[in-house]
Amino acid sequence: MRKYSILTDSGCDLSPETLAKWGVKAINLTFSFPDSQNALTCKDMAIKEFYARMRRGDCAKTASATILNCQRAFLTELSAGKDILYIGMSSGISTTFDTAKLVAEELAGMWKDRKIIVVDSLCASAGLGLAVYLATEKRASGASITECACYVKDILPQLCHWFTVDNLVYLKRGGRISAATAFLGTALQIKPVMHVDDEGHLVNVSKSHGRKNSIRALAAKYKELANDPSSGTYFISHGDCLQDAKLLESVIKESCDDNPASLITEISPVIGAHSGPGTLALFFLGKNR
């Protein structure tokens, strides 16, 4: 059985060190501020600096992966004699998956003896990261590239994304809520609790009054929906609010047999530009999305 590489993109919100430990490579997505001369990646600006600029009122723009970057990433693995399983950020949020699919189709015609499988995760942030992690576990068990791809596709309808934001202005900028709703919600300290649906789109589900209540609402969703609340794997990601991430973990541990988070990670600029500082997200396998 030919060896295969698992590739993803930086929308998975996992550090290079974590990805390297798992044997995964990521295609970089980019962001920029109005005064940026070039497109930036996480290597060019520390995440804390990025969120500090957002808190000062700077607006960041993001860009999906380019055809050239996808080609380079794929050709590196093909030239090393490996097949490719690419698991990309939701096509409902970014065009990166469509770009990767186009490149895969082009290269498949040139490398006819190789397998290049691209999977639309319908996930973002550490939800995509969790899908990638589970794929690496499946690969480590001896699964072929086809078996691994089928496994990932099978679990995606169970991969739950639940999150809340601290400041409604960023959802307003992205067109998720109206200016009036953002103003009123901010005045009343209303924190939306949202999730990613089966098509990979953001959906507003409920509202909580105050930050701590929104965090408890996330923990309640985990206990309600998780396949295995007491010992299952769950990831938490945060937009420069580590203490809130730790609080979410502690609330889950209180009600779920002291089950700790498998990973707490930072939300990257590419995702954080749209959700803002203070975003808190929870990802796990559940009964449904």
Protein backbone atom coordinates (compact mmCIF):
# COMPACT_ATOMS: atom_id res chain seq x y z
CA MET A 1 0.00 0.00 0.00
CA ARG A 2 1.46 3.33 -1.07
CA LYS A 3 2.03 5.89 1.68
CA TYR A 4 -0.21 8.93 1.66
CA SER A 5 0.00 12.42 3.08
CA ILE A 6 -2.82 14.18 4.90
CA LEU A 7 -3.00 17.85 3.96
CA THR A 8 -5.28 20.60 5.22
CA ASP A 9 -5.27 24.41 5.32
CA SER A 10 -4.51 26.93 8.03
CA GLY A 11 -8.23 27.39 8.62
CA CYS A 12 -7.87 24.39 10.96
CA ASP A 13 -6.48 26.73 13.65
CA LEU A 14 -3.79 24.30 14.75
CA SER A 15 -0.21 25.32 15.42
CA PRO A 16 2.58 24.17 13.08
CA GLU A 17 4.01 22.20 16.00
CA THR A 18 0.75 20.29 16.54
CA LEU A 19 0.37 19.55 12.84
CA ALA A 20 4.00 18.40 12.60
CA LYS A 21 3.44 16.04 15.55
CA TRP A 22 0.49 14.52 13.69
CA GLY A 23 2.40 14.32 10.39
CA VAL A 24 0.14 16.83 8.63
CA LYS A 25 0.97 19.82 6.42
CA ALA A 26 -1.21 22.89 5.96
CA ILE A 27 -1.67 25.25 3.02
CA ASN A 28 -1.51 28.82 4.27
CA LEU A 29 -4.47 31.17 3.97
CA THR A 30 -3.64 34.86 4.30
CA PHE A 31 -4.90 38.07 5.86
CA SER A 32 -4.05 41.75 5.62
CA PHE A 33 -4.74 45.12 7.24
CA PRO A 34 -5.20 48.33 5.25
CA ASP A 35 -1.56 49.27 5.89
CA SER A 36 -0.22 45.82 4.91
CA GLN A 37 1.96 45.92 1.84
CA ASN A 38 1.76 42.15 1.40
CA ALA A 39 -0.56 39.33 2.37
CA LEU A 40 0.32 37.99 5.83
CA THR A 41 0.31 34.58 7.51
CA CYS A 42 0.61 33.65 11.18
CA LYS A 43 4.37 33.53 10.69
CA ASP A 44 4.37 37.25 9.90
CA MET A 45 2.31 38.51 12.85
CA ALA A 46 1.79 37.11 16.32
CA ILE A 47 -1.82 36.22 17.10
CA LYS A 48 -1.86 38.50 20.15
CA GLU A 49 -0.75 41.44 18.02
CA PHE A 50 -3.46 40.61 15.48
CA TYR A 51 -6.21 40.67 18.11
CA ALA A 52 -4.76 43.82 19.71
CA ARG A 53 -5.13 45.58 16.35
CA MET A 54 -8.70 44.35 16.01
CA ARG A 55 -9.53 45.69 19.48
CA ARG A 56 -8.13 49.06 18.39
CA GLY A 57 -10.63 49.06 15.53
CA ASP A 58 -8.50 47.82 12.64
CA CYS A 59 -10.33 45.68 10.06
CA ALA A 60 -8.55 42.69 8.59
CA LYS A 61 -9.35 41.16 5.23
CA THR A 62 -8.75 37.49 4.45
CA ALA A 63 -7.96 35.55 1.29
CA SER A 64 -8.38 31.90 0.39
CA ALA A 65 -5.50 29.71 -0.75
CA THR A 66 -4.16 30.48 -4.21
CA ILE A 67 -3.95 27.99 -7.04
CA LEU A 68 -0.16 28.31 -6.96
CA ASN A 69 0.07 27.49 -3.25
CA CYS A 70 -2.19 24.47 -3.68
CA GLN A 71 -0.15 23.26 -6.65
CA ARG A 72 3.10 23.58 -4.71
CA ALA A 73 1.72 21.70 -1.71
CA PHE A 74 0.30 18.87 -3.81
CA LEU A 75 3.34 18.55 -6.07
CA THR A 76 5.67 18.31 -3.07
CA GLU A 77 3.85 15.19 -1.87
CA LEU A 78 3.42 13.66 -5.33
CA SER A 79 7.11 14.18 -6.09
CA ALA A 80 7.95 12.38 -2.84
CA GLY A 81 6.02 9.34 -4.10
CA LYS A 82 2.96 9.79 -1.92
CA ASP A 83 -0.77 9.88 -2.55
CA ILE A 84 -2.75 12.80 -1.09
CA LEU A 85 -5.77 13.10 1.18
CA TYR A 86 -6.69 16.78 1.46
CA ILE A 87 -9.26 17.79 4.08
CA GLY A 88 -10.26 21.41 3.56
CA MET A 89 -12.17 24.15 5.31
CA SER A 90 -15.90 24.31 4.61
CA SER A 91 -16.86 25.38 1.10
CA GLY A 92 -19.74 27.19 2.80
CA ILE A 93 -17.25 29.63 4.33
CA SER A 94 -14.23 29.74 2.00
CA THR A 95 -13.40 29.09 -1.67
CA THR A 96 -10.20 27.30 -0.64
CA PHE A 97 -11.75 23.86 -1.03
CA ASP A 98 -12.93 24.69 -4.56
CA THR A 99 -9.40 25.81 -5.46
CA ALA A 100 -7.90 22.61 -4.05
CA LYS A 101 -10.44 20.50 -5.93
CA LEU A 102 -9.59 22.27 -9.20
CA VAL A 103 -5.86 21.70 -8.65
CA ALA A 104 -6.44 18.05 -7.71
CA GLU A 105 -8.40 17.44 -10.92
CA GLU A 106 -5.65 19.07 -12.98
CA LEU A 107 -2.85 17.07 -11.36
CA ALA A 108 -4.79 13.80 -11.48
CA GLY A 109 -4.57 13.99 -15.26
CA MET A 110 -0.79 14.29 -15.03
CA TRP A 111 -0.20 11.73 -12.26
CA LYS A 112 -2.50 8.96 -13.42
CA ASP A 113 -0.99 6.31 -11.15
CA ARG A 114 -1.64 8.33 -7.98
CA LYS A 115 -4.65 8.98 -5.80
CA ILE A 116 -5.58 12.54 -4.90
CA ILE A 117 -8.70 12.68 -2.74
CA VAL A 118 -10.15 16.01 -1.59
CA VAL A 119 -12.77 16.16 1.16
CA ASP A 120 -14.94 19.17 1.95
CA SER A 121 -14.97 19.04 5.74
CA LEU A 122 -17.93 21.44 6.06
CA CYS A 123 -15.94 22.52 9.13
CA ALA A 124 -13.87 25.47 10.25
CA SER A 125 -11.39 26.34 12.98
CA ALA A 126 -10.59 23.46 15.34
CA GLY A 127 -13.64 21.62 13.98
CA LEU A 128 -11.57 21.10 10.85
CA GLY A 129 -8.65 20.39 13.17
CA LEU A 130 -10.63 17.66 14.91
CA ALA A 131 -11.53 16.07 11.57
CA VAL A 132 -7.85 16.10 10.62
CA TYR A 133 -6.82 14.63 13.98
CA LEU A 134 -9.31 11.77 13.65
CA ALA A 135 -8.04 11.14 10.11
CA THR A 136 -4.48 10.81 11.41
CA GLU A 137 -5.67 8.34 14.04
CA LYS A 138 -7.38 6.31 11.32
CA ARG A 139 -4.23 6.38 9.17
CA ALA A 140 -2.15 5.24 12.15
CA SER A 141 -4.47 2.24 12.54
CA GLY A 142 -3.40 1.06 9.08
CA ALA A 143 -6.31 2.38 7.00
CA SER A 144 -5.72 2.93 3.30
CA ILE A 145 -6.23 6.37 1.80
CA THR A 146 -9.66 5.34 0.49
CA GLU A 147 -10.69 3.88 3.85
CA CYS A 148 -9.47 6.99 5.64
CA ALA A 149 -11.35 9.33 3.28
CA CYS A 150 -14.55 7.31 3.69
CA TYR A 151 -14.18 7.39 7.46
CA VAL A 152 -13.80 11.18 7.47
CA LYS A 153 -16.86 11.62 5.27
CA ASP A 154 -18.85 9.32 7.57
CA ILE A 155 -18.05 11.29 10.74
CA LEU A 156 -18.58 14.78 9.33
CA PRO A 157 -22.37 14.80 9.96
CA GLN A 158 -21.54 14.15 13.64
CA LEU A 159 -18.87 16.82 14.00
CA CYS A 160 -20.48 19.49 16.17
CA HIS A 161 -19.40 23.15 16.13
CA TRP A 162 -20.74 25.39 18.88
CA PHE A 163 -19.45 28.87 19.59
CA THR A 164 -20.17 32.27 21.04
CA VAL A 165 -18.71 35.72 20.45
CA ASP A 166 -17.94 38.51 22.89
CA ASN A 167 -18.53 41.46 20.55
CA LEU A 168 -21.37 41.58 18.03
CA VAL A 169 -19.70 44.19 15.82
CA TYR A 170 -17.75 41.53 13.92
CA LEU A 171 -20.88 39.55 13.07
CA LYS A 172 -22.42 42.83 11.89
CA ARG A 173 -19.44 43.53 9.62
CA GLY A 174 -19.78 40.06 8.13
CA GLY A 175 -23.48 40.55 7.45
CA ARG A 176 -24.58 37.92 9.99
CA ILE A 177 -26.69 40.37 11.99
CA SER A 178 -28.09 43.87 11.41
CA ALA A 179 -26.61 47.06 12.83
CA ALA A 180 -29.69 47.50 15.04
CA THR A 181 -29.39 43.96 16.42
CA ALA A 182 -25.69 44.49 17.12
CA PHE A 183 -26.35 47.78 18.93
CA LEU A 184 -29.19 46.41 21.05
CA GLY A 185 -27.38 43.16 21.79
CA THR A 186 -24.26 45.00 22.91
CA ALA A 187 -26.29 47.30 25.16
CA LEU A 188 -28.09 44.36 26.79
CA GLN A 189 -24.98 42.13 26.98
CA ILE A 190 -26.61 39.51 24.74
CA LYS A 191 -24.20 36.81 23.57
CA PRO A 192 -25.36 34.65 20.64
CA VAL A 193 -24.77 30.90 20.74
CA MET A 194 -24.20 29.64 17.19
CA HIS A 195 -23.26 26.47 15.36
CA VAL A 196 -22.21 25.26 11.92
CA ASP A 197 -24.98 23.36 10.12
CA ASP A 198 -24.87 20.33 7.81
CA GLU A 199 -24.01 22.55 4.84
CA GLY A 200 -21.13 24.21 6.65
CA HIS A 201 -22.89 27.56 7.20
CA LEU A 202 -23.06 29.58 10.41
CA VAL A 203 -26.45 29.48 12.13
CA ASN A 204 -27.60 31.57 15.10
CA VAL A 205 -29.35 29.19 17.52
CA SER A 206 -29.96 31.00 20.80
CA LYS A 207 -29.02 34.00 22.94
CA SER A 208 -27.54 34.20 26.41
CA HIS A 209 -27.39 37.17 28.74
CA GLY A 210 -23.78 37.68 29.75
CA ARG A 211 -20.52 35.91 28.98
CA LYS A 212 -20.64 33.27 31.72
CA ASN A 213 -24.14 32.20 30.68
CA SER A 214 -23.02 31.78 27.07
CA ILE A 215 -20.10 29.63 28.24
CA ARG A 216 -22.45 27.47 30.31
CA ALA A 217 -24.72 27.17 27.26
CA LEU A 218 -21.81 25.75 25.25
CA ALA A 219 -21.03 23.24 28.00
CA ALA A 220 -24.70 22.23 28.15
CA LYS A 221 -24.69 21.54 24.41
CA TYR A 222 -21.69 19.26 24.86
CA LYS A 223 -23.39 17.27 27.61
CA GLU A 224 -26.63 17.10 25.59
CA LEU A 225 -25.21 16.14 22.19
CA ALA A 226 -21.81 14.46 22.63
CA ASN A 227 -21.60 10.78 21.79
CA ASP A 228 -19.44 10.19 24.84
CA PRO A 229 -19.53 13.18 27.23
CA SER A 230 -17.52 11.42 29.94
CA SER A 231 -14.49 10.37 27.92
CA GLY A 232 -14.92 11.60 24.34
CA THR A 233 -12.50 13.88 22.53
CA TYR A 234 -13.33 17.57 22.38
CA PHE A 235 -11.35 20.61 21.20
CA ILE A 236 -11.75 24.21 22.37
CA SER A 237 -10.53 27.20 20.38
CA HIS A 238 -10.44 30.81 21.47
CA GLY A 239 -9.82 34.29 20.08
CA ASP A 240 -7.33 35.61 22.62
CA CYS A 241 -9.48 34.64 25.63
CA LEU A 242 -7.60 31.73 27.17
CA GLN A 243 -9.16 32.15 30.61
CA ASP A 244 -12.64 31.78 29.10
CA ALA A 245 -11.48 28.65 27.28
CA LYS A 246 -10.23 27.23 30.59
CA LEU A 247 -13.53 28.17 32.23
CA LEU A 248 -15.45 26.30 29.52
CA GLU A 249 -13.24 23.26 30.09
CA SER A 250 -13.82 23.42 33.85
CA VAL A 251 -17.62 23.68 33.44
CA ILE A 252 -17.58 20.62 31.16
CA LYS A 253 -15.40 18.73 33.63
CA GLU A 254 -17.84 19.54 36.45
CA SER A 255 -20.72 17.81 34.71
CA CYS A 256 -18.94 15.16 32.63
CA ASP A 257 -16.85 13.03 34.99
CA ASP A 258 -13.82 15.35 34.97
CA ASN A 259 -13.28 14.88 31.21
CA PRO A 260 -10.58 17.40 30.14
CA ALA A 261 -10.29 19.05 26.74
CA SER A 262 -8.06 17.09 24.38
CA LEU A 263 -6.77 20.36 22.92
CA ILE A 264 -7.14 24.09 23.60
CA THR A 265 -5.97 26.16 20.65
CA GLU A 266 -6.02 29.74 19.41
CA ILE A 267 -8.30 30.93 16.62
CA SER A 268 -6.10 32.07 13.76
CA PRO A 269 -6.34 35.50 12.08
CA VAL A 270 -8.05 34.01 9.03
CA ILE A 271 -11.00 32.89 11.17
CA GLY A 272 -10.68 35.56 13.84
CA ALA A 273 -10.96 38.38 11.31
CA HIS A 274 -14.63 37.41 10.90
CA SER A 275 -15.51 36.39 14.47
CA GLY A 276 -13.39 38.85 16.42
CA PRO A 277 -11.46 38.72 19.70
CA GLY A 278 -13.30 36.92 22.47
CA THR A 279 -14.72 34.21 20.24
CA LEU A 280 -14.99 30.88 22.06
CA ALA A 281 -15.71 27.62 20.23
CA LEU A 282 -16.28 23.98 21.13
CA PHE A 283 -15.95 20.95 18.81
CA PHE A 284 -16.83 17.29 19.36
CA LEU A 285 -18.50 14.24 17.82
CA GLY A 286 -22.20 14.18 18.64
CA LYS A 287 -25.56 12.75 17.77
CA ASN A 288 -25.99 15.39 15.08
CA ARG A 289 -24.63 18.78 14.18
